[in-house]
Amino acid sequence: MTWQKAQFLRPTQPYFVLEADHFKQEIYWTQGISHFYTFGLHEARTFDVVPDACIDLVFQYTQNKMLAYACGPVLSCQMQHWDSHQDVFGVRFIPGYHPAGVDIILKDLIGQRIPLDRLMKTTALIDQMVTQTDFYQRIRIFLQEYVKLEKQQEKPYGKRALVMDITKRAYLSDGLIRISSIAEQTGYSESYINRVFHEQMGFSPKTFCKIIQFQRALEFLNYGQPNKMTEAAVNLGYYDQSQFIRDFKKYAGITPKQYLKRIKQEQYKNRIKDTNYLSF
């Protein structure tokens, strides 16, 4: 299959797909949501999490209870432990997007997994999710309650509005926009943009752009499978092949060539199921 770049980047955690007992996802691209996903773990496992600049709302189901978390992004490849006998339902938001009703800035969520009830003024969404056992019903109930939170949310203004604008520009450019261009387009100085972005996000706009570029690289390797790494570097806007390899290894923990070999051996595309439930 020939790789075709999608209009919108779908941020991914590839090791979730490779390590889980099963993995399904439902693409959404509305209300700041990238996609819904679900996976199961019969045994306790520890696997890598890669940078995606996303906030995930994660609902972990066991036989006895449900635990809900807001999970922040990591800035380099890190190991994460998951307990056994779990059925996981997740909502991944677009990179840099702040979920409605969650009272925390992304900066304070970096590398963190915080119980969702600590961050929300109302637990109505959590309470409704407790009894749901089906992936599609969980999606339906989540959206039903999330719409209510959106209606209560104040429109972003000031610094938060500026950060949202910056992340949108970076996201739509696949991370290739320059900070000088953002400064010119917004009328703010580069130093002010960097300062405000770091205040809210915990890292620089340049780092955000690199993470977006890396996520597009994952997509390219997952579905494009180039014959040469130079082909990937050129397609993804890297300065050269060595920069591509260096950045990818920092974020994925292995080189592009090693990653490509693994996803081929483990049949990545066959392990991930797109449900198309919402395509009606």
Protein backbone atom coordinates (compact mmCIF):
# COMPACT_ATOMS: atom_id res chain seq x y z
CA MET A 1 0.00 0.00 0.00
CA THR A 2 1.33 3.42 -0.96
CA TRP A 3 1.47 5.86 1.92
CA GLN A 4 -0.65 8.97 1.51
CA LYS A 5 -0.33 11.73 4.08
CA ALA A 6 -3.64 12.28 5.83
CA GLN A 7 -4.96 15.82 6.11
CA PHE A 8 -4.71 15.58 9.89
CA LEU A 9 -1.98 13.88 11.87
CA ARG A 10 -3.16 10.99 14.03
CA PRO A 11 -0.83 10.97 17.07
CA THR A 12 0.04 7.43 18.03
CA GLN A 13 1.60 5.35 20.78
CA PRO A 14 2.96 2.46 18.69
CA TYR A 15 4.14 0.34 21.61
CA PHE A 16 0.56 0.23 22.93
CA VAL A 17 -0.38 -1.47 19.67
CA LEU A 18 2.61 -3.83 19.69
CA GLU A 19 2.40 -4.86 23.34
CA ALA A 20 -1.35 -5.05 24.01
CA ASP A 21 -3.39 -8.24 23.60
CA HIS A 22 -5.71 -6.40 21.21
CA PHE A 23 -6.00 -2.81 20.00
CA LYS A 24 -8.86 -0.96 18.33
CA GLN A 25 -9.26 2.73 17.56
CA GLU A 26 -11.94 5.04 16.26
CA ILE A 27 -10.77 8.17 14.44
CA TYR A 28 -12.77 11.28 15.33
CA TRP A 29 -11.00 14.59 14.55
CA THR A 30 -13.77 16.69 16.08
CA GLN A 31 -14.06 18.68 19.34
CA GLY A 32 -10.30 18.51 19.75
CA ILE A 33 -10.37 14.70 19.92
CA SER A 34 -7.98 12.80 17.67
CA HIS A 35 -9.33 9.32 18.34
CA PHE A 36 -10.75 6.86 20.82
CA TYR A 37 -8.92 3.62 21.50
CA THR A 38 -9.18 0.45 23.52
CA PHE A 39 -6.77 -2.35 24.40
CA GLY A 40 -6.53 -5.25 26.79
CA LEU A 41 -3.78 -6.62 29.01
CA HIS A 42 -4.05 -10.08 30.52
CA GLU A 43 -0.60 -9.88 32.11
CA ALA A 44 1.23 -6.98 33.76
CA ARG A 45 3.54 -5.31 31.27
CA THR A 46 6.02 -2.48 31.02
CA PHE A 47 6.48 -0.82 27.66
CA ASP A 48 7.62 2.43 26.11
CA VAL A 49 5.63 5.63 25.81
CA VAL A 50 6.78 8.11 23.17
CA PRO A 51 6.33 11.90 22.92
CA ASP A 52 3.07 13.01 21.29
CA ALA A 53 2.28 16.34 23.06
CA CYS A 54 -1.20 14.96 23.81
CA ILE A 55 -3.40 14.73 26.85
CA ASP A 56 -5.16 11.37 27.13
CA LEU A 57 -8.17 10.64 29.31
CA VAL A 58 -7.78 6.99 30.26
CA PHE A 59 -10.36 4.71 31.88
CA GLN A 60 -8.92 1.48 33.27
CA TYR A 61 -11.42 -1.29 33.96
CA THR A 62 -10.78 -4.36 36.10
CA GLN A 63 -13.22 -6.90 37.53
CA ASN A 64 -13.81 -4.84 40.64
CA LYS A 65 -13.50 -1.16 39.68
CA MET A 66 -12.78 1.56 37.17
CA LEU A 67 -9.99 4.11 37.56
CA ALA A 68 -9.95 7.27 35.45
CA TYR A 69 -6.85 9.37 34.78
CA ALA A 70 -5.65 12.39 32.88
CA CYS A 71 -2.33 11.36 31.34
CA GLY A 72 0.19 13.92 30.17
CA PRO A 73 2.83 13.56 27.48
CA VAL A 74 6.48 12.61 27.91
CA LEU A 75 9.35 14.53 26.33
CA SER A 76 11.51 11.49 25.56
CA CYS A 77 10.94 7.76 25.28
CA GLN A 78 10.02 6.42 28.74
CA MET A 79 8.96 3.12 30.26
CA GLN A 80 5.46 2.85 31.70
CA HIS A 81 4.04 0.02 33.82
CA TRP A 82 0.53 -1.38 33.40
CA ASP A 83 -1.09 -3.87 35.79
CA SER A 84 -2.59 -7.17 34.64
CA HIS A 85 -6.21 -7.97 33.75
CA GLN A 86 -7.11 -4.57 32.43
CA ASP A 87 -9.54 -3.38 29.82
CA VAL A 88 -8.45 0.13 28.84
CA PHE A 89 -10.53 2.81 27.13
CA GLY A 90 -8.75 5.98 26.09
CA VAL A 91 -9.50 9.35 24.52
CA ARG A 92 -6.52 11.01 22.87
CA PHE A 93 -6.78 14.71 22.18
CA ILE A 94 -5.05 16.54 19.34
CA PRO A 95 -1.48 17.60 20.25
CA GLY A 96 -1.54 20.68 22.44
CA TYR A 97 -5.33 20.64 22.88
CA HIS A 98 -6.76 21.13 26.37
CA PRO A 99 -9.79 18.92 27.20
CA ALA A 100 -12.90 20.70 28.45
CA GLY A 101 -13.57 20.34 32.17
CA VAL A 102 -10.02 19.32 33.08
CA ASP A 103 -8.56 21.94 35.41
CA ILE A 104 -4.82 21.70 34.81
CA ILE A 105 -2.37 23.11 32.29
CA LEU A 106 -0.34 20.74 30.17
CA LYS A 107 2.89 21.85 31.83
CA ASP A 108 1.76 20.30 35.12
CA LEU A 109 0.75 17.05 33.41
CA ILE A 110 4.06 16.26 31.71
CA GLY A 111 5.03 12.70 32.62
CA GLN A 112 2.11 12.49 35.05
CA ARG A 113 -0.94 10.26 35.42
CA ILE A 114 -3.36 12.08 37.73
CA PRO A 115 -6.76 10.74 38.94
CA LEU A 116 -9.38 12.52 36.87
CA ASP A 117 -11.69 13.23 39.80
CA ARG A 118 -9.00 15.54 41.26
CA LEU A 119 -9.08 17.71 38.15
CA MET A 120 -12.80 18.04 37.41
CA LYS A 121 -15.42 20.16 39.17
CA THR A 122 -18.06 17.53 38.45
CA THR A 123 -17.64 13.76 38.33
CA ALA A 124 -20.69 13.22 36.09
CA LEU A 125 -18.56 12.00 33.17
CA ILE A 126 -16.59 9.61 35.38
CA ASP A 127 -19.75 8.30 37.04
CA GLN A 128 -21.39 7.59 33.69
CA MET A 129 -18.33 5.73 32.39
CA VAL A 130 -18.13 3.31 35.35
CA THR A 131 -20.76 0.85 34.15
CA GLN A 132 -19.96 0.88 30.41
CA THR A 133 -18.56 -2.40 29.09
CA ASP A 134 -18.65 -1.95 25.31
CA PHE A 135 -16.16 0.14 23.29
CA TYR A 136 -18.83 1.80 21.18
CA GLN A 137 -21.12 2.52 24.10
CA ARG A 138 -18.17 4.06 25.96
CA ILE A 139 -17.59 6.37 23.00
CA ARG A 140 -21.26 7.34 22.90
CA ILE A 141 -21.52 8.01 26.64
CA PHE A 142 -18.22 9.90 26.73
CA LEU A 143 -19.32 12.23 23.92
CA GLN A 144 -22.72 12.71 25.52
CA GLU A 145 -21.12 13.94 28.77
CA TYR A 146 -18.21 15.74 27.11
CA VAL A 147 -20.56 17.98 25.12
CA LYS A 148 -22.01 19.19 28.44
CA LEU A 149 -18.53 20.07 29.69
CA GLU A 150 -17.76 21.97 26.49
CA LYS A 151 -20.88 24.11 26.91
CA GLN A 152 -19.74 25.09 30.41
CA GLN A 153 -16.20 25.90 29.28
CA GLU A 154 -15.19 29.53 28.90
CA LYS A 155 -13.67 30.50 25.59
CA PRO A 156 -9.87 30.73 25.76
CA TYR A 157 -8.40 34.21 25.97
CA GLY A 158 -5.06 35.92 26.54
CA LYS A 159 -2.07 33.62 26.86
CA ARG A 160 -4.09 30.44 26.56
CA ALA A 161 -5.63 31.61 23.28
CA LEU A 162 -2.17 32.47 21.95
CA VAL A 163 -0.81 29.03 22.85
CA MET A 164 -3.78 27.35 21.15
CA ASP A 165 -3.10 29.41 18.03
CA ILE A 166 0.59 28.46 18.04
CA THR A 167 -0.11 24.75 18.49
CA LYS A 168 -2.69 24.82 15.70
CA ARG A 169 -0.24 26.45 13.28
CA ALA A 170 2.49 23.97 14.20
CA TYR A 171 0.13 21.00 13.98
CA LEU A 172 -1.22 21.95 10.55
CA SER A 173 2.31 22.48 9.22
CA ASP A 174 3.45 19.02 10.43
CA GLY A 175 5.91 20.82 12.71
CA LEU A 176 7.72 22.54 9.85
CA ILE A 177 6.69 26.12 10.61
CA ARG A 178 9.39 28.44 11.96
CA ILE A 179 8.89 30.43 15.16
CA SER A 180 9.87 33.55 13.21
CA SER A 181 6.92 32.89 10.87
CA ILE A 182 4.55 32.48 13.83
CA ALA A 183 5.85 35.78 15.25
CA GLU A 184 5.24 37.50 11.94
CA GLN A 185 1.75 36.04 11.58
CA THR A 186 0.62 36.76 15.15
CA GLY A 187 2.37 40.07 15.73
CA TYR A 188 4.09 38.86 18.91
CA SER A 189 7.85 38.73 19.36
CA GLU A 190 9.67 35.39 19.25
CA SER A 191 10.85 35.83 22.84
CA TYR A 192 7.28 36.46 24.06
CA ILE A 193 5.95 33.46 22.14
CA ASN A 194 8.66 31.22 23.61
CA ARG A 195 8.06 32.50 27.15
CA VAL A 196 4.27 32.14 27.08
CA PHE A 197 4.38 28.75 25.39
CA HIS A 198 6.83 27.39 27.96
CA GLU A 199 4.68 28.76 30.80
CA GLN A 200 1.63 26.87 29.59
CA MET A 201 3.11 23.79 27.94
CA GLY A 202 6.34 23.14 29.85
CA PHE A 203 8.52 23.07 26.75
CA SER A 204 9.33 25.32 23.81
CA PRO A 205 7.41 25.75 20.53
CA LYS A 206 10.48 24.30 18.78
CA THR A 207 10.18 21.11 20.87
CA PHE A 208 6.48 20.94 20.08
CA CYS A 209 7.26 21.19 16.37
CA LYS A 210 9.89 18.42 16.64
CA ILE A 211 7.38 16.14 18.38
CA ILE A 212 4.81 16.77 15.65
CA GLN A 213 7.44 16.01 13.02
CA PHE A 214 8.37 12.80 14.88
CA GLN A 215 4.73 11.72 15.05
CA ARG A 216 4.41 12.22 11.31
CA ALA A 217 7.55 10.08 10.94
CA LEU A 218 5.87 7.29 12.92
CA GLU A 219 2.89 7.48 10.61
CA PHE A 220 5.17 7.35 7.57
CA LEU A 221 7.04 4.29 8.83
CA ASN A 222 3.86 2.55 10.02
CA TYR A 223 2.04 2.89 6.71
CA GLY A 224 4.60 3.95 4.11
CA GLN A 225 7.54 1.61 4.76
CA PRO A 226 10.16 3.43 2.66
CA ASN A 227 13.00 1.53 1.01
CA LYS A 228 15.57 4.06 2.21
CA MET A 229 15.81 6.29 5.27
CA THR A 230 16.81 9.17 3.00
CA GLU A 231 13.37 8.87 1.40
CA ALA A 232 11.73 9.23 4.80
CA ALA A 233 13.93 12.17 5.80
CA VAL A 234 13.13 14.08 2.61
CA ASN A 235 9.38 13.38 2.78
CA LEU A 236 9.20 14.50 6.40
CA GLY A 237 11.15 17.74 6.02
CA TYR A 238 14.28 16.82 7.99
CA TYR A 239 17.49 18.64 7.14
CA ASP A 240 19.25 15.37 6.37
CA GLN A 241 19.19 11.66 7.16
CA SER A 242 21.42 11.95 10.23
CA GLN A 243 19.10 14.52 11.81
CA PHE A 244 16.13 12.26 11.15
CA ILE A 245 17.87 9.27 12.76
CA ARG A 246 19.07 11.31 15.75
CA ASP A 247 15.67 12.86 16.49
CA PHE A 248 13.78 9.62 15.94
CA LYS A 249 16.02 7.64 18.31
CA LYS A 250 15.62 10.31 21.01
CA TYR A 251 11.84 10.02 20.86
CA ALA A 252 11.31 6.34 19.96
CA GLY A 253 14.26 4.78 21.84
CA ILE A 254 15.46 3.00 18.70
CA THR A 255 16.58 4.04 15.21
CA PRO A 256 14.10 4.31 12.31
CA LYS A 257 15.63 1.20 10.73
CA GLN A 258 15.24 -0.80 13.96
CA TYR A 259 11.68 0.47 14.37
CA LEU A 260 10.78 -0.43 10.79
CA LYS A 261 12.18 -3.93 11.27
CA ARG A 262 10.13 -4.44 14.43
CA ILE A 263 6.80 -3.29 13.01
CA LYS A 264 7.33 -5.52 9.97
CA GLN A 265 8.16 -8.55 12.12
CA GLU A 266 5.22 -7.94 14.46
CA GLN A 267 2.82 -6.97 11.67
CA TYR A 268 1.85 -3.61 13.08
CA LYS A 269 -0.85 -2.91 10.49
CA ASN A 270 -2.55 -6.21 11.24
CA ARG A 271 -2.52 -5.58 14.99
CA ILE A 272 -4.39 -2.28 14.81
CA LYS A 273 -8.07 -2.18 13.89
CA ASP A 274 -9.82 0.98 12.71
CA THR A 275 -13.49 0.48 13.54
CA ASN A 276 -15.12 3.28 11.48
CA TYR A 277 -17.96 3.27 14.00
CA LEU A 278 -18.54 7.03 13.70
CA SER A 279 -18.53 7.10 9.88
CA PHE A 280 -22.25 7.53 9.43
